[in-house]
Amino acid sequence: MAQGDQTGIIGKGITIRGSLSGGGDLVIEGRVEGQIALKNHLTIEGTGYVQADIRAEELTINGEASGNIDASSRVAINASARVAGDVKAPRVIIEDGAVFNGSIEMDVQLPDDI
């Protein structure tokens, strides 16, 4: 199995403080505080709490996240999510019912004639 195909899980009873980085997908069901830098997909489950600046290709939030988010592909803030921080990504989805406090920056090229 290639490194990019691996999925790591931080379980409900686990707390990690510090810098977290890697090349595979990651699912957070527990608590992470610090910095997160992933090359692939990060999922914060409903039981997950992240207090960190996050850099990832793709991010799906079902739980709580506090910190700035920078995604190269997409950020999905689902209905059960609570997010506090600035989001920078080319595609951002915020479902009805989600709580979001911050700003969104989408680097979109607009036509010159507008």
Protein backbone atom coordinates (compact mmCIF):
# COMPACT_ATOMS: atom_id res chain seq x y z
CA MET A 1 0.00 0.00 0.00
CA ALA A 2 1.42 3.39 -0.96
CA GLN A 3 1.95 5.99 1.76
CA GLY A 4 -0.75 8.24 0.29
CA ASP A 5 -3.30 5.39 0.61
CA GLN A 6 -2.85 4.99 4.38
CA THR A 7 -5.38 6.41 6.85
CA GLY A 8 -4.39 7.18 10.42
CA ILE A 9 -6.90 7.56 13.26
CA ILE A 10 -6.54 9.56 16.44
CA GLY A 11 -9.11 7.89 18.70
CA LYS A 12 -11.65 9.46 21.05
CA GLY A 13 -9.55 9.09 24.19
CA ILE A 14 -6.33 10.48 22.67
CA THR A 15 -4.93 14.01 23.09
CA ILE A 16 -1.93 15.14 21.04
CA ARG A 17 -0.07 18.40 21.66
CA GLY A 18 2.56 19.57 19.19
CA SER A 19 3.21 19.43 15.46
CA LEU A 20 1.59 16.74 13.36
CA SER A 21 2.59 16.12 9.73
CA GLY A 22 2.39 13.35 7.18
CA GLY A 23 1.47 12.14 3.74
CA GLY A 24 -1.55 9.92 4.38
CA ASP A 25 -5.16 10.64 5.26
CA LEU A 26 -5.97 11.33 8.91
CA VAL A 27 -9.19 11.02 10.92
CA ILE A 28 -9.36 12.84 14.25
CA GLU A 29 -11.88 11.54 16.77
CA GLY A 30 -9.96 12.84 19.80
CA ARG A 31 -8.17 16.10 20.54
CA VAL A 32 -5.21 17.77 18.77
CA GLU A 33 -3.54 21.01 19.84
CA GLY A 34 -0.67 22.65 17.93
CA GLN A 35 0.07 22.52 14.19
CA ILE A 36 -1.20 20.11 11.53
CA ALA A 37 0.35 19.79 8.05
CA LEU A 38 -0.93 16.97 5.83
CA LYS A 39 -0.45 16.28 2.15
CA ASN A 40 -3.82 14.52 1.80
CA HIS A 41 -7.26 14.52 3.46
CA LEU A 42 -7.96 15.44 7.09
CA THR A 43 -11.32 14.57 8.66
CA ILE A 44 -12.37 15.93 12.05
CA GLU A 45 -15.19 13.70 13.26
CA GLY A 46 -18.09 14.81 15.46
CA THR A 47 -16.21 13.82 18.62
CA GLY A 48 -13.02 15.53 17.41
CA TYR A 49 -11.65 18.82 18.70
CA VAL A 50 -8.74 20.56 16.98
CA GLN A 51 -7.09 23.70 18.27
CA ALA A 52 -4.43 24.17 15.62
CA ASP A 53 -3.46 25.89 12.43
CA ILE A 54 -4.20 23.37 9.68
CA ARG A 55 -2.61 22.91 6.24
CA ALA A 56 -3.96 20.06 4.13
CA GLU A 57 -5.04 19.23 0.61
CA GLU A 58 -8.62 18.58 1.67
CA LEU A 59 -10.42 19.05 4.99
CA THR A 60 -13.79 17.77 6.21
CA ILE A 61 -15.06 19.08 9.55
CA ASN A 62 -17.87 17.41 11.50
CA GLY A 63 -16.61 18.36 14.98
CA GLU A 64 -14.87 21.46 16.36
CA ALA A 65 -11.91 23.34 14.92
CA SER A 66 -10.23 26.48 16.20
CA GLY A 67 -7.37 27.99 14.20
CA ASN A 68 -6.55 29.09 10.68
CA ILE A 69 -7.14 26.65 7.82
CA ASP A 70 -5.25 26.55 4.52
CA ALA A 71 -6.38 23.86 2.06
CA SER A 72 -5.04 23.43 -1.46
CA SER A 73 -8.21 21.72 -2.74
CA ARG A 74 -11.37 21.94 -0.60
CA VAL A 75 -12.81 22.61 2.85
CA ALA A 76 -16.19 21.13 3.82
CA ILE A 77 -17.75 22.44 7.04
CA ASN A 78 -20.65 20.09 7.70
CA ALA A 79 -23.88 20.83 9.58
CA SER A 80 -22.61 19.52 12.94
CA ALA A 81 -19.34 21.51 12.79
CA ARG A 82 -18.21 24.46 14.89
CA VAL A 83 -15.31 26.40 13.35
CA ALA A 84 -13.50 29.50 14.59
CA GLY A 85 -10.72 30.82 12.35
CA ASP A 86 -9.90 32.02 8.88
CA VAL A 87 -10.27 29.64 5.93
CA LYS A 88 -8.24 29.84 2.72
CA ALA A 89 -9.14 27.36 -0.04
CA PRO A 90 -10.25 27.39 -3.69
CA ARG A 91 -13.48 25.53 -2.77
CA VAL A 92 -15.37 26.00 0.50
CA ILE A 93 -18.64 24.31 1.46
CA ILE A 94 -20.57 25.37 4.57
CA GLU A 95 -23.69 23.32 5.26
CA ASP A 96 -26.82 24.77 6.82
CA GLY A 97 -26.58 24.42 10.60
CA ALA A 98 -22.80 24.76 10.83
CA VAL A 99 -21.37 27.42 13.14
CA PHE A 100 -18.57 29.45 11.52
CA ASN A 101 -16.78 32.48 12.94
CA GLY A 102 -14.00 33.81 10.72
CA SER A 103 -13.25 34.88 7.18
CA ILE A 104 -12.99 32.98 3.92
CA GLU A 105 -10.44 33.67 1.19
CA MET A 106 -10.93 31.95 -2.14
CA ASP A 107 -8.25 32.74 -4.70
CA VAL A 108 -10.48 32.99 -7.75
CA GLN A 109 -9.44 34.63 -10.99
CA LEU A 110 -12.17 36.99 -12.19
CA PRO A 111 -12.47 38.03 -15.84
CA ASP A 112 -10.92 41.42 -16.67
CA ASP A 113 -14.17 42.84 -18.07
CA ILE A 114 -16.01 42.79 -14.73
